[in-house]
Protein backbone atom coordinates (compact mmCIF):
# COMPACT_ATOMS: atom_id res chain seq x y z
CA MET A 1 60.79 75.88 134.83
CA ARG A 2 63.78 76.86 136.95
CA ILE A 3 67.01 74.84 136.96
CA ASP A 4 69.89 75.66 139.30
CA ILE A 5 73.28 74.05 138.64
CA VAL A 6 75.60 74.21 141.65
CA SER A 7 79.21 73.76 140.59
CA LEU A 8 82.81 74.82 141.14
CA PHE A 9 83.07 75.39 137.39
CA PRO A 10 79.86 77.11 136.22
CA ALA A 11 81.62 78.40 133.11
CA LEU A 12 81.78 74.81 131.84
CA CYS A 13 77.99 74.64 131.88
CA LYS A 14 77.53 78.09 130.39
CA GLY A 15 79.67 77.26 127.38
CA VAL A 16 77.52 74.24 126.50
CA LEU A 17 74.07 75.43 127.51
CA SER A 18 74.18 78.90 125.96
CA GLU A 19 74.25 77.47 122.41
CA SER A 20 71.70 75.98 120.00
CA VAL A 21 68.27 74.81 121.21
CA ILE A 22 68.99 75.09 124.93
CA GLY A 23 70.57 78.52 124.57
CA ARG A 24 67.52 79.76 122.67
CA ALA A 25 65.15 78.33 125.29
CA TRP A 26 67.21 80.04 128.00
CA LYS A 27 67.18 83.37 126.15
CA GLU A 28 63.45 83.19 125.46
CA GLY A 29 62.60 82.40 129.09
CA ILE A 30 61.30 78.89 128.47
CA VAL A 31 63.75 77.84 131.19
CA ASP A 32 65.13 79.97 134.02
CA LEU A 33 68.64 78.55 134.14
CA ARG A 34 70.89 79.67 136.99
CA LEU A 35 74.56 78.72 137.24
CA VAL A 36 75.68 78.88 140.84
CA ASP A 37 79.33 79.02 141.92
CA LEU A 38 79.70 77.05 145.15
CA ARG A 39 82.67 79.21 146.12
CA ASP A 40 80.26 82.11 146.64
CA TYR A 41 79.13 80.34 149.81
CA THR A 42 82.54 80.24 151.47
CA HIS A 43 83.78 82.69 154.12
CA ASP A 44 87.57 82.58 153.95
CA ALA A 45 89.95 84.50 151.72
CA ARG A 46 90.90 81.39 149.73
CA LYS A 47 87.23 80.41 149.15
CA THR A 48 87.92 76.89 150.40
CA VAL A 49 85.30 74.31 149.45
CA ASP A 50 87.20 71.04 150.03
CA ASP A 51 89.43 69.27 152.54
CA LYS A 52 91.28 65.99 153.08
CA PRO A 53 89.13 62.97 153.92
CA TYR A 54 89.09 61.66 157.48
CA GLY A 55 90.72 58.25 157.64
CA GLY A 56 93.17 59.09 154.89
CA GLY A 57 93.07 58.41 151.20
CA ALA A 58 93.74 60.15 147.93
CA GLY A 59 92.03 63.30 146.75
CA MET A 60 89.84 65.90 148.40
CA VAL A 61 86.21 65.92 149.54
CA LEU A 62 83.71 68.79 149.27
CA ARG A 63 83.05 70.24 152.72
CA PRO A 64 79.46 70.30 154.03
CA GLU A 65 79.25 73.99 155.09
CA PRO A 66 79.16 75.62 151.63
CA LEU A 67 76.68 73.08 150.31
CA PHE A 68 74.35 73.43 153.30
CA GLU A 69 74.39 77.22 153.01
CA CYS A 70 73.97 77.14 149.25
CA LEU A 71 70.99 74.80 149.25
CA GLN A 72 69.39 76.64 152.14
CA ASP A 73 69.55 79.74 149.95
CA LEU A 74 68.36 78.08 146.71
CA ARG A 75 65.80 75.52 147.79
CA THR A 76 62.14 76.31 147.30
CA PRO A 77 59.24 74.19 148.66
CA GLU A 78 58.78 72.53 145.27
CA ALA A 79 62.47 71.99 144.49
CA ARG A 80 63.92 68.58 143.66
CA VAL A 81 67.61 68.36 144.65
CA VAL A 82 69.75 65.91 142.67
CA LEU A 83 73.40 65.01 143.21
CA MET A 84 75.38 64.14 140.08
CA THR A 85 77.67 61.26 141.06
CA PRO A 86 79.00 58.04 139.46
CA GLN A 87 77.34 56.20 142.37
CA GLY A 88 73.87 57.40 141.38
CA ARG A 89 71.06 55.66 139.52
CA ARG A 90 71.45 55.68 135.72
CA PHE A 91 69.86 58.70 134.07
CA ASP A 92 67.37 57.85 131.31
CA GLN A 93 64.63 59.38 129.16
CA PRO A 94 61.77 58.62 131.59
CA THR A 95 63.73 60.51 134.26
CA ALA A 96 64.22 63.42 131.86
CA ARG A 97 60.46 63.50 131.24
CA ARG A 98 59.77 63.37 134.98
CA PHE A 99 62.14 66.25 135.61
CA SER A 100 60.59 68.30 132.80
CA GLN A 101 57.32 68.29 134.76
CA LEU A 102 58.95 69.94 137.77
CA SER A 103 58.83 73.65 138.47
CA HIS A 104 62.25 73.72 140.16
CA LEU A 105 65.22 71.37 139.74
CA ILE A 106 68.55 71.78 141.54
CA LEU A 107 71.53 69.83 140.18
CA VAL A 108 74.50 69.60 142.54
CA CYS A 109 77.76 68.71 140.82
CA GLY A 110 80.08 66.33 142.57
CA HIS A 111 83.80 67.09 142.32
CA TYR A 112 87.11 65.53 143.37
CA GLU A 113 86.42 62.46 145.55
CA GLY A 114 82.79 63.47 146.08
CA VAL A 115 80.85 65.22 148.83
CA ASP A 116 80.77 64.83 152.60
CA GLU A 117 78.34 62.00 153.42
CA ARG A 118 76.25 64.32 155.59
CA VAL A 119 75.38 66.25 152.46
CA ARG A 120 74.04 63.09 150.85
CA GLN A 121 72.04 62.14 153.91
CA CYS A 122 70.46 65.51 154.64
CA LEU A 123 70.16 67.48 151.42
CA MET A 124 69.68 65.16 148.44
CA ASP A 125 66.38 63.86 147.11
CA GLU A 126 68.12 61.51 144.69
CA GLU A 127 71.47 60.76 143.08
CA LEU A 128 72.08 60.33 139.36
CA SER A 129 74.83 59.14 137.04
CA ILE A 130 74.89 59.56 133.26
CA GLY A 131 76.86 56.32 132.78
CA ASP A 132 79.21 53.77 134.22
CA TYR A 133 82.35 55.88 133.97
CA VAL A 134 83.99 58.71 135.90
CA LEU A 135 84.27 62.31 134.66
CA THR A 136 86.61 65.01 135.91
CA ASN A 137 83.66 66.81 137.50
CA GLY A 138 79.90 66.74 137.70
CA ALA A 139 79.35 69.94 135.71
CA ILE A 140 79.60 67.97 132.49
CA ALA A 141 77.02 65.45 133.68
CA ALA A 142 74.71 68.22 134.91
CA SER A 143 74.90 69.87 131.49
CA VAL A 144 73.85 66.59 129.86
CA VAL A 145 70.86 66.24 132.19
CA THR A 146 69.86 69.87 131.68
CA ASP A 147 69.98 69.50 127.89
CA ALA A 148 67.83 66.35 128.00
CA VAL A 149 65.26 68.02 130.27
CA VAL A 150 65.02 71.46 128.67
CA ARG A 151 64.46 70.13 125.15
CA LEU A 152 61.28 68.46 126.47
CA LEU A 153 59.79 71.73 127.70
CA PRO A 154 56.90 73.07 125.58
CA GLY A 155 58.25 75.39 122.91
CA ALA A 156 61.91 74.46 123.30
CA LEU A 157 62.15 72.44 120.08
CA GLY A 158 59.78 74.58 118.05
CA ASN A 159 57.83 71.47 117.07
CA ASP A 160 56.99 69.46 120.19
CA VAL A 161 56.18 66.36 118.08
CA SER A 162 59.93 66.01 117.47
CA SER A 163 60.48 64.75 121.02
CA GLU A 164 57.65 62.21 120.72
CA GLU A 165 58.85 60.35 117.62
CA GLU A 166 62.58 60.23 118.38
CA SER A 167 64.50 57.43 120.07
CA PHE A 168 63.37 56.92 123.70
CA GLY A 169 60.26 59.01 123.00
CA ASN A 170 56.75 58.10 124.10
CA GLU A 171 57.12 54.62 122.59
CA PRO A 172 59.93 52.19 123.55
CA LEU A 173 61.39 52.22 120.03
CA MET A 174 64.44 53.67 118.32
CA GLU A 175 63.92 56.38 115.73
CA TYR A 176 63.41 55.43 112.07
CA PRO A 177 66.07 56.20 109.37
CA GLN A 178 66.05 59.74 108.00
CA PHE A 179 66.82 60.85 104.42
CA THR A 180 67.10 64.21 102.67
CA ARG A 181 68.24 65.57 99.30
CA PRO A 182 69.75 64.49 96.97
CA GLU A 183 67.44 61.63 96.06
CA ASN A 184 70.35 59.63 94.64
CA TYR A 185 73.84 60.04 96.08
CA LYS A 186 76.67 57.88 94.70
CA GLY A 187 74.16 55.20 93.73
CA MET A 188 72.52 55.16 97.17
CA LYS A 189 68.83 55.94 96.69
CA VAL A 190 66.18 57.19 99.06
CA PRO A 191 63.57 54.42 99.68
CA GLU A 192 60.75 54.68 97.15
CA VAL A 193 58.07 54.71 99.83
CA LEU A 194 59.34 58.05 101.14
CA LEU A 195 58.91 59.56 97.68
CA SER A 196 55.42 58.18 97.16
CA GLY A 197 53.46 60.86 98.99
CA ASN A 198 51.33 58.12 100.57
CA HIS A 199 51.36 59.13 104.23
CA GLN A 200 49.78 55.89 105.44
CA GLU A 201 52.43 53.77 103.72
CA ILE A 202 55.19 56.07 104.96
CA ALA A 203 53.92 55.78 108.53
CA ALA A 204 53.81 51.98 108.25
CA TRP A 205 57.34 51.87 106.81
CA ARG A 206 58.67 54.10 109.57
CA LEU A 207 57.06 51.98 112.28
CA GLU A 208 58.55 48.84 110.72
CA GLN A 209 61.99 50.46 110.63
CA ARG A 210 61.70 51.56 114.25
CA VAL A 211 60.92 47.99 115.33
CA LEU A 212 63.76 46.54 113.24
CA ARG A 213 66.27 49.03 114.60
CA THR A 214 65.19 48.43 118.16
CA VAL A 215 65.40 44.64 117.79
CA SER A 216 68.88 44.82 116.26
CA ARG A 217 70.38 47.56 118.47
CA ARG A 218 68.51 47.66 121.78
CA PRO A 219 66.31 44.55 122.11
CA GLU A 220 66.02 45.05 125.87
CA MET A 221 63.82 48.09 125.19
CA LEU A 222 61.09 45.76 123.94
């Protein structure tokens, strides 16, 4: 899979995505991750990408020319182009799974007061937000989306079952509680069923815990 992240601050994405699971998947070629500096598509000495909004108002708006040229250069016939913006639809696990089935995803990072409306109308297939709050720039949001998508690619996690049994996996349930050594820590003991070696009973206990956690924390998922 190829993922292009178009941003004014590609170094922000590189710092996050070059580490841990995603960094390993990138290095091993499981994902072809390309960090694109929008300023490379400007033609003046100052590499200007923004300007004041017509009609007045605070802040600056990303100009259409660099984005049109950039996406003309990057887009492939199978590409899905997504704008990261607080105005977008809420990003969720089903969307991450849908994106992980694509061969080419382009994430365009909003900055400042956003992008020229003509960019939205002509270039974007959809718009996404990672939550009901505003970040300093869309590179952070794009990194979140990339992480959620890449970890679903075959081979990225090492054991692909991990992504099926976790919260927001294939079933609409939260993940069950996890325990490791020591068996007894400050009087807090690991549940006996997990020490029993009875895989059927362990599976039943874990399912029960997933339901209980979902009911108490995210009942709307049921």
